[in-house]
Amino acid sequence: MRENKSVVLLSVGHACVDVYQGAVAALVPFFVAERAYSYAAVSGVVLAASVLSSVAQPVFGVLTDRWAMPWLLPVSTLLGGVGIALSGVSGSYAWTLVFVAVSGLGVAAYHPESARVARLACRGGHKGMGWFSLGGNLGFALAPLMVTAVVAGGGLRLSPLLVVPALVGSVLCLPVLKALERDGTARFGPAVTAEADDRVSFVMLSMAVICRSVVFVGLSTFISLYARQRVEGGAAAGTAALFVLYLGGAVGSVVGGSLAERWDRVVVSRWSYLATAVAVAGIVTVPGPVLYLFVALASAGLYVPFSLQVTLGQDYLPSRVGTAGGITLGLTVSAGGLAGPFIGKLADATSLRTALAPLVMMPVLSWLLFRTLPEPVAPRRHVTPPAEPSGGGAAAEAAGVTEGGAGRRRARRVRRGTR
């Protein structure tokens, strides 16, 4: 199968999974309206999707470092969809938390293995990974439209219809997996590299990802309700704000991959976070329809580093790429979910505007942390194929010799903290 076709199928499949991450926040206004949940209660729903994911995603990353598990892609896609589809069926708050947590588990299982498969399919290029990330962000962007179209007219009882993207995504990934299996690529074991792990840089990167997560999950949870207040609109105003938030992320992912082909990933990410801080300040302070502009800018700024952070983490831990991918992708959502209830309680006690104001500092902290990071040299990975003869040696050389678009240009190491 051609590389471009594989990347497209994986990107669409990614959208069919991440639509369920976005669906959790998109369901918040309907939980408030139909079940009279408080801000703290709906924050708990977001937390339920995040806690299990935060624990499970790194575990799946460790497992994919030891064994290739391409079958996880269709199975986890279905699990993510079924959880959200059932979340509106029961009026019980406890069962709602359980179903949302099941969806979070499916999403957690999907990302480490899909990141591994996507990097093989796109030969490690930053642009290819950018397009793969774009798929996920488009899924986020479409979530409020999908949820509103299904639930607004008939209520939460129609939530089982939300399983449709999962059915589509589970089918779309099969041709890619079959093609990689035919080449022997999908069964490759752990990559062997002579590069040493830079654990200090990985920890600093993870802290920056946590700060980013708090901002994005905080905005995605409450921006719909906040926009209704700031622009004095109804449900459409809130849905539009959430759509802009997710769509801006889709644009940011593509831009980030392209910028990383010209400049170091660390430099691109650092300046993106600084711009994000300004945009989040605009969300908090500027009233009226211009709010949507700042939402778009903040989202794009948060997503320019998204795929870059995944490949940076893998290059900082070249011997544990699955673990690195699982942690960086897992923290992207889970850490913010843990902070969500505190934002909700503050909003209940004061106002949404007051509760969102501290988010301005989070991208500033990410910017400061990125100032300490070096640009890693893209490691040369020699992937060990399975023992049985399959003609996979050529595929191993094609897909696993180098990782990252930086491997196709002059790899350079930037001294820590010089930029």
Protein backbone atom coordinates (compact mmCIF):
# COMPACT_ATOMS: atom_id res chain seq x y z
CA MET A 1 0.00 0.00 0.00
CA ARG A 2 1.29 3.48 -0.86
CA GLU A 3 2.55 5.56 2.04
CA ASN A 4 0.11 8.41 1.38
CA LYS A 5 -2.89 6.09 1.35
CA SER A 6 -1.80 4.45 4.60
CA VAL A 7 -1.37 7.82 6.30
CA VAL A 8 -4.79 8.98 5.09
CA LEU A 9 -6.53 5.85 6.37
CA LEU A 10 -4.75 6.07 9.71
CA SER A 11 -5.58 9.77 9.98
CA VAL A 12 -9.28 9.17 9.36
CA GLY A 13 -9.19 6.30 11.83
CA HIS A 14 -7.54 8.61 14.34
CA ALA A 15 -10.39 11.07 13.83
CA CYS A 16 -12.89 8.30 14.53
CA VAL A 17 -11.22 7.70 17.91
CA ASP A 18 -10.51 11.24 19.06
CA VAL A 19 -14.06 12.30 18.25
CA TYR A 20 -14.90 10.50 21.50
CA GLN A 21 -12.39 12.52 23.49
CA GLY A 22 -14.05 15.65 22.15
CA ALA A 23 -17.50 14.17 22.73
CA VAL A 24 -17.00 14.14 26.50
CA ALA A 25 -16.70 17.94 26.61
CA ALA A 26 -19.41 18.33 23.97
CA LEU A 27 -21.85 16.40 26.17
CA VAL A 28 -21.23 18.69 29.16
CA PRO A 29 -23.91 21.31 28.28
CA PHE A 30 -26.46 18.55 27.73
CA PHE A 31 -25.65 16.94 31.09
CA VAL A 32 -26.11 20.35 32.71
CA ALA A 33 -29.38 21.07 30.90
CA GLU A 34 -30.99 17.62 31.08
CA ARG A 35 -29.65 16.31 34.38
CA ALA A 36 -28.92 19.59 36.21
CA TYR A 37 -25.29 18.67 36.87
CA SER A 38 -23.21 21.34 38.62
CA TYR A 39 -19.85 22.59 37.27
CA ALA A 40 -18.09 20.28 39.72
CA ALA A 41 -20.23 17.31 38.62
CA VAL A 42 -19.50 17.75 34.92
CA SER A 43 -15.83 18.18 35.77
CA GLY A 44 -16.09 14.75 37.39
CA VAL A 45 -17.36 13.31 34.10
CA VAL A 46 -14.32 14.71 32.30
CA LEU A 47 -12.13 13.37 35.12
CA ALA A 48 -13.61 9.89 34.71
CA ALA A 49 -12.50 9.83 31.09
CA SER A 50 -9.05 11.03 32.11
CA VAL A 51 -8.08 9.08 35.23
CA LEU A 52 -8.28 5.59 33.76
CA SER A 53 -6.65 6.86 30.58
CA SER A 54 -3.79 8.45 32.53
CA VAL A 55 -2.95 5.11 34.14
CA ALA A 56 -3.67 2.83 31.21
CA GLN A 57 -2.00 4.73 28.37
CA PRO A 58 1.59 4.49 29.71
CA VAL A 59 0.94 0.82 30.51
CA PHE A 60 -0.10 0.18 26.92
CA GLY A 61 3.02 2.09 25.86
CA VAL A 62 5.23 -0.27 27.86
CA LEU A 63 3.43 -3.27 26.36
CA THR A 64 3.89 -2.02 22.79
CA ASP A 65 7.61 -1.61 23.49
CA ARG A 66 7.75 -5.35 24.15
CA TRP A 67 5.17 -6.72 21.72
CA ALA A 68 3.60 -5.38 18.56
CA MET A 69 -0.19 -5.33 19.06
CA PRO A 70 -1.76 -3.95 15.87
CA TRP A 71 -5.05 -5.66 16.74
CA LEU A 72 -5.47 -3.00 19.43
CA LEU A 73 -6.38 -0.40 16.81
CA PRO A 74 -9.82 -1.80 15.81
CA VAL A 75 -10.62 -3.15 19.28
CA SER A 76 -9.79 0.08 21.12
CA THR A 77 -11.69 2.14 18.54
CA LEU A 78 -14.85 0.14 19.23
CA LEU A 79 -14.35 0.38 22.99
CA GLY A 80 -14.02 4.16 22.84
CA GLY A 81 -17.23 4.46 20.84
CA VAL A 82 -19.32 2.08 22.91
CA GLY A 83 -18.48 3.92 26.14
CA ILE A 84 -19.67 7.29 24.86
CA ALA A 85 -22.69 5.74 23.15
CA LEU A 86 -23.89 4.33 26.48
CA SER A 87 -23.09 7.41 28.58
CA GLY A 88 -26.45 9.02 27.86
CA VAL A 89 -28.58 5.90 28.30
CA SER A 90 -28.66 5.79 32.10
CA GLY A 91 -29.68 8.72 34.25
CA SER A 92 -27.39 7.44 36.98
CA TYR A 93 -24.36 9.66 37.59
CA ALA A 94 -22.30 6.62 38.68
CA TRP A 95 -23.07 4.68 35.49
CA THR A 96 -22.32 7.75 33.41
CA LEU A 97 -18.87 7.87 35.01
CA VAL A 98 -18.35 4.16 34.32
CA PHE A 99 -19.28 4.40 30.65
CA VAL A 100 -17.15 7.50 30.10
CA ALA A 101 -14.25 5.74 31.83
CA VAL A 102 -14.64 2.75 29.49
CA SER A 103 -14.39 5.12 26.55
CA GLY A 104 -11.27 6.63 28.08
CA LEU A 105 -9.75 3.16 28.36
CA GLY A 106 -10.38 2.55 24.68
CA VAL A 107 -8.76 5.83 23.73
CA ALA A 108 -5.79 5.02 26.00
CA ALA A 109 -5.28 1.64 24.35
CA TYR A 110 -5.41 3.16 20.87
CA HIS A 111 -2.80 5.89 20.99
CA PRO A 112 0.56 4.21 21.81
CA GLU A 113 0.12 1.46 19.22
CA SER A 114 -1.37 3.78 16.61
CA ALA A 115 1.56 6.18 17.05
CA ARG A 116 3.96 3.28 16.46
CA VAL A 117 2.07 2.08 13.39
CA ALA A 118 1.72 5.62 12.01
CA ARG A 119 5.43 6.29 12.36
CA LEU A 120 6.18 3.09 10.47
CA ALA A 121 3.63 3.93 7.78
CA CYS A 122 4.97 7.45 7.20
CA ARG A 123 8.63 6.39 7.48
CA GLY A 124 9.06 8.63 10.52
CA GLY A 125 8.52 11.95 8.73
CA HIS A 126 7.31 14.96 10.74
CA LYS A 127 4.82 15.88 8.02
CA GLY A 128 3.34 12.40 8.03
CA MET A 129 2.98 12.45 11.79
CA GLY A 130 1.51 15.94 11.49
CA TRP A 131 -1.19 14.62 9.16
CA PHE A 132 -1.82 11.72 11.51
CA SER A 133 -2.26 14.21 14.37
CA LEU A 134 -4.50 16.31 12.12
CA GLY A 135 -6.90 13.40 11.90
CA GLY A 136 -7.24 13.30 15.66
CA ASN A 137 -7.75 17.03 15.86
CA LEU A 138 -10.43 16.94 13.17
CA GLY A 139 -12.15 14.29 15.24
CA PHE A 140 -12.05 16.69 18.18
CA ALA A 141 -13.41 19.47 15.97
CA LEU A 142 -16.29 17.38 14.67
CA ALA A 143 -17.29 16.12 18.12
CA PRO A 144 -19.48 19.09 19.13
CA LEU A 145 -21.19 19.07 15.74
CA MET A 146 -21.82 15.33 15.95
CA VAL A 147 -23.07 15.46 19.53
CA THR A 148 -25.30 18.47 18.88
CA ALA A 149 -26.76 16.90 15.73
CA VAL A 150 -27.60 13.68 17.58
CA VAL A 151 -28.53 14.88 21.07
CA ALA A 152 -29.95 18.40 20.66
CA GLY A 153 -33.21 17.24 19.09
CA GLY A 154 -33.96 13.99 20.91
CA GLY A 155 -31.96 14.30 24.11
CA LEU A 156 -29.35 12.04 25.68
CA ARG A 157 -31.48 8.95 24.97
CA LEU A 158 -30.19 9.09 21.38
CA SER A 159 -26.55 8.77 22.46
CA PRO A 160 -26.25 5.15 21.16
CA LEU A 161 -26.13 6.65 17.65
CA LEU A 162 -22.74 8.11 18.56
CA VAL A 163 -21.16 4.67 18.08
CA VAL A 164 -21.18 5.08 14.27
CA PRO A 165 -17.69 6.68 13.92
CA ALA A 166 -16.20 3.80 15.93
CA LEU A 167 -17.67 1.28 13.50
CA VAL A 168 -16.18 3.19 10.57
CA GLY A 169 -12.77 3.68 12.19
CA SER A 170 -12.40 0.04 13.18
CA VAL A 171 -12.85 -0.96 9.53
CA LEU A 172 -10.59 1.71 8.01
CA CYS A 173 -7.49 0.62 9.92
CA LEU A 174 -7.69 -2.98 8.68
CA PRO A 175 -6.21 -2.43 5.17
CA VAL A 176 -3.19 -0.62 6.67
CA LEU A 177 -2.57 -3.37 9.20
CA LYS A 178 -2.88 -6.03 6.51
CA ALA A 179 -0.39 -4.18 4.30
CA LEU A 180 2.12 -3.82 7.13
CA GLU A 181 1.61 -7.45 8.08
CA ARG A 182 2.24 -8.47 4.50
CA ASP A 183 5.51 -6.52 4.53
CA GLY A 184 6.43 -7.87 7.95
CA THR A 185 6.48 -4.35 9.37
CA ALA A 186 3.55 -4.59 11.77
CA ARG A 187 5.16 -7.53 13.58
CA PHE A 188 8.49 -5.84 14.22
CA GLY A 189 9.73 -6.08 17.75
CA PRO A 190 11.41 -3.36 19.78
CA ALA A 191 13.76 -0.99 18.01
CA VAL A 192 17.45 -1.34 18.74
CA THR A 193 19.40 1.88 19.05
CA ALA A 194 22.81 2.89 20.30
CA GLU A 195 21.52 6.24 21.54
CA ALA A 196 21.30 6.73 25.31
CA ASP A 197 18.03 7.77 26.94
CA ASP A 198 17.89 11.41 28.06
CA ARG A 199 15.56 10.95 31.01
CA VAL A 200 16.06 14.44 32.43
CA SER A 201 14.90 16.07 29.20
CA PHE A 202 11.99 13.65 28.98
CA VAL A 203 10.84 14.60 32.48
CA MET A 204 11.05 18.30 31.63
CA LEU A 205 9.11 17.66 28.42
CA SER A 206 6.46 15.74 30.36
CA MET A 207 6.04 18.65 32.76
CA ALA A 208 5.50 20.99 29.81
CA VAL A 209 2.90 18.59 28.40
CA ILE A 210 1.10 18.57 31.76
CA CYS A 211 0.86 22.37 31.72
CA ARG A 212 -0.49 22.25 28.17
CA SER A 213 -3.03 19.64 29.17
CA VAL A 214 -4.42 21.77 32.00
CA VAL A 215 -5.05 24.63 29.56
CA PHE A 216 -6.63 22.57 26.81
CA VAL A 217 -8.85 20.38 28.97
CA GLY A 218 -9.90 23.39 31.04
CA LEU A 219 -10.91 25.27 27.91
CA SER A 220 -12.57 22.30 26.22
CA THR A 221 -14.62 21.53 29.34
CA PHE A 222 -15.90 25.05 29.98
CA ILE A 223 -15.51 27.09 26.77
CA SER A 224 -19.00 26.17 25.59
CA LEU A 225 -20.62 27.43 28.79
CA TYR A 226 -18.23 30.40 28.97
CA ALA A 227 -18.97 31.52 25.39
CA ARG A 228 -22.70 31.61 26.12
CA GLN A 229 -22.01 34.09 28.90
CA ARG A 230 -19.44 36.25 27.09
CA VAL A 231 -21.28 36.63 23.78
CA GLU A 232 -24.74 36.40 25.36
CA GLY A 233 -25.79 33.59 23.05
CA GLY A 234 -27.52 30.25 23.36
CA ALA A 235 -26.49 26.68 22.66
CA ALA A 236 -25.29 27.59 19.16
CA ALA A 237 -22.80 30.10 20.59
CA GLY A 238 -21.35 27.45 22.88
CA THR A 239 -21.15 24.81 20.17
CA ALA A 240 -19.44 27.29 17.84
CA ALA A 241 -16.80 28.07 20.48
CA LEU A 242 -16.04 24.39 21.02
CA PHE A 243 -15.89 23.78 17.26
CA VAL A 244 -13.45 26.69 16.82
CA LEU A 245 -11.32 25.36 19.68
CA TYR A 246 -11.00 21.96 18.06
CA LEU A 247 -10.67 23.24 14.48
CA GLY A 248 -7.86 25.57 15.51
CA GLY A 249 -6.07 22.52 16.84
CA ALA A 250 -6.36 20.81 13.47
CA VAL A 251 -4.71 23.78 11.78
CA GLY A 252 -2.00 23.93 14.43
CA SER A 253 -1.02 20.28 13.95
CA VAL A 254 -0.38 20.71 10.22
CA VAL A 255 1.47 23.98 10.73
CA GLY A 256 3.61 22.42 13.45
CA GLY A 257 4.73 19.55 11.23
CA SER A 258 5.66 21.94 8.43
CA LEU A 259 7.54 24.33 10.73
CA ALA A 260 9.51 21.42 12.19
CA GLU A 261 10.87 20.66 8.72
CA ARG A 262 12.55 24.10 8.74
CA TRP A 263 13.37 24.75 12.39
CA ASP A 264 14.09 22.65 15.45
CA ARG A 265 11.07 21.14 17.17
CA VAL A 266 12.09 22.65 20.50
CA VAL A 267 12.27 26.17 19.05
CA VAL A 268 8.91 25.85 17.28
CA SER A 269 7.22 24.51 20.40
CA ARG A 270 8.72 27.12 22.69
CA TRP A 271 7.53 30.14 20.74
CA SER A 272 4.17 28.52 20.15
CA TYR A 273 3.57 28.30 23.89
CA LEU A 274 4.49 31.93 24.38
CA ALA A 275 1.96 32.97 21.74
CA THR A 276 -0.63 30.72 23.39
CA ALA A 277 -0.27 32.57 26.69
CA VAL A 278 -1.25 35.82 24.97
CA ALA A 279 -4.25 34.16 23.30
CA VAL A 280 -5.54 32.62 26.54
CA ALA A 281 -5.26 36.03 28.20
CA GLY A 282 -7.46 37.36 25.39
CA ILE A 283 -10.08 34.69 26.06
CA VAL A 284 -10.29 35.70 29.70
CA THR A 285 -10.25 39.48 29.26
CA VAL A 286 -11.87 40.36 25.91
CA PRO A 287 -15.70 40.18 25.67
CA GLY A 288 -17.91 39.81 22.63
CA PRO A 289 -17.54 37.85 19.38
CA VAL A 290 -13.78 38.52 19.19
CA LEU A 291 -13.62 35.76 21.79
CA TYR A 292 -13.77 33.26 18.93
CA LEU A 293 -10.58 34.68 17.39
CA PHE A 294 -8.66 34.22 20.63
CA VAL A 295 -10.07 30.71 21.02
CA ALA A 296 -8.77 29.81 17.54
CA LEU A 297 -5.34 31.33 18.24
CA ALA A 298 -5.04 29.59 21.60
CA SER A 299 -6.01 26.25 20.10
CA ALA A 300 -3.58 26.55 17.19
CA GLY A 301 -0.82 27.54 19.60
CA LEU A 302 -1.51 24.56 21.82
CA TYR A 303 -1.51 22.13 18.89
CA VAL A 304 1.55 23.32 16.96
CA PRO A 305 3.72 21.38 19.47
CA PHE A 306 1.34 18.40 19.70
CA SER A 307 2.92 15.89 17.30
CA LEU A 308 6.35 17.44 17.87
CA GLN A 309 6.16 16.58 21.57
CA VAL A 310 5.40 12.95 20.73
CA THR A 311 8.46 12.58 18.48
CA LEU A 312 10.62 14.56 20.92
CA GLY A 313 9.62 12.17 23.69
CA GLN A 314 10.45 9.19 21.50
CA ASP A 315 13.84 10.68 20.63
CA TYR A 316 14.61 11.46 24.28
CA LEU A 317 13.80 7.81 25.12
CA PRO A 318 14.94 6.01 21.95
CA SER A 319 14.95 2.61 23.66
CA ARG A 320 11.35 3.00 24.87
CA VAL A 321 9.42 4.71 22.08
CA GLY A 322 6.11 3.08 23.04
CA THR A 323 6.44 4.19 26.64
CA ALA A 324 7.42 7.70 25.53
CA GLY A 325 4.48 7.93 23.17
CA GLY A 326 2.07 6.56 25.75
CA ILE A 327 3.17 9.04 28.40
CA THR A 328 3.24 12.13 26.19
CA LEU A 329 -0.09 11.31 24.57
CA GLY A 330 -1.62 10.22 27.87
CA LEU A 331 -0.59 13.34 29.76
CA THR A 332 -2.05 15.46 26.96
CA VAL A 333 -5.54 14.66 28.25
CA SER A 334 -5.22 13.01 31.65
CA ALA A 335 -3.38 15.73 33.57
CA GLY A 336 -5.90 18.36 32.54
CA GLY A 337 -8.73 16.06 33.53
CA LEU A 338 -7.29 15.79 37.03
CA ALA A 339 -7.26 19.58 37.29
CA GLY A 340 -10.79 19.90 35.91
CA PRO A 341 -12.71 19.40 39.19
CA PHE A 342 -10.67 22.13 40.88
CA ILE A 343 -11.52 24.52 38.04
CA GLY A 344 -15.17 23.48 38.36
CA LYS A 345 -15.28 24.04 42.12
CA LEU A 346 -13.67 27.46 41.72
CA ALA A 347 -16.24 28.31 39.04
CA ASP A 348 -19.09 27.22 41.33
CA ALA A 349 -17.69 29.39 44.12
CA THR A 350 -16.89 32.46 41.99
CA SER A 351 -17.43 32.61 38.22
CA LEU A 352 -16.21 30.86 35.09
CA ARG A 353 -14.11 33.86 34.14
CA THR A 354 -12.32 33.81 37.50
CA ALA A 355 -11.81 30.05 37.27
CA LEU A 356 -10.29 30.24 33.79
CA ALA A 357 -7.93 33.14 34.58
CA PRO A 358 -5.16 30.94 36.12
CA LEU A 359 -4.91 29.04 32.83
CA VAL A 360 -2.93 31.97 31.40
CA MET A 361 0.11 30.88 33.42
CA MET A 362 0.18 27.30 32.14
CA PRO A 363 1.59 27.98 28.63
CA VAL A 364 4.08 30.38 30.23
CA LEU A 365 5.36 27.50 32.35
CA SER A 366 5.56 25.28 29.24
CA TRP A 367 7.58 28.01 27.51
CA LEU A 368 10.00 28.18 30.44
CA LEU A 369 10.39 24.39 30.52
CA PHE A 370 11.10 24.24 26.78
CA ARG A 371 13.89 26.76 27.28
CA THR A 372 15.77 24.03 29.16
CA LEU A 373 15.41 21.38 26.44
CA PRO A 374 17.97 20.43 23.79
CA GLU A 375 17.02 19.37 20.27
CA PRO A 376 17.82 15.64 20.23
CA VAL A 377 19.70 13.99 17.42
CA ALA A 378 17.24 11.75 15.59
CA PRO A 379 18.41 8.21 16.43
CA ARG A 380 19.02 5.58 13.79
CA ARG A 381 16.74 2.68 14.60
CA HIS A 382 17.41 -0.86 13.43
CA VAL A 383 14.20 -2.77 13.91
CA THR A 384 14.41 -6.47 14.64
CA PRO A 385 12.01 -8.48 12.43
CA PRO A 386 10.33 -11.69 13.58
CA ALA A 387 12.16 -14.96 13.22
CA GLU A 388 9.96 -16.45 10.51
CA PRO A 389 10.96 -15.71 6.88
CA SER A 390 8.63 -13.09 5.47
CA GLY A 391 10.69 -10.90 3.21
CA GLY A 392 10.36 -8.20 5.82
CA GLY A 393 14.03 -7.20 5.83
CA ALA A 394 13.56 -4.62 3.11
CA ALA A 395 10.53 -3.25 4.86
CA ALA A 396 12.51 -3.04 8.08
CA GLU A 397 15.16 -1.02 6.35
CA ALA A 398 12.55 1.23 4.74
CA ALA A 399 10.38 1.78 7.78
CA GLY A 400 12.72 1.47 10.71
CA VAL A 401 16.21 2.60 9.81
CA THR A 402 15.57 6.19 10.77
CA GLU A 403 12.90 7.85 12.84
CA GLY A 404 11.78 11.44 12.40
CA GLY A 405 11.93 13.89 9.53
CA ALA A 406 14.99 15.36 11.19
CA GLY A 407 16.80 12.20 10.17
CA ARG A 408 16.55 13.36 6.58
CA ARG A 409 18.26 16.61 7.28
CA ARG A 410 21.43 17.43 9.17
CA ALA A 411 20.82 16.25 12.76
CA ARG A 412 22.17 18.71 15.20
CA ARG A 413 22.28 18.89 18.94
CA VAL A 414 21.45 22.23 20.49
CA ARG A 415 23.16 22.94 23.77
CA ARG A 416 20.78 22.80 26.72
CA GLY A 417 19.26 26.16 27.48
CA THR A 418 21.05 28.15 24.78
CA ARG A 419 17.87 29.26 23.03
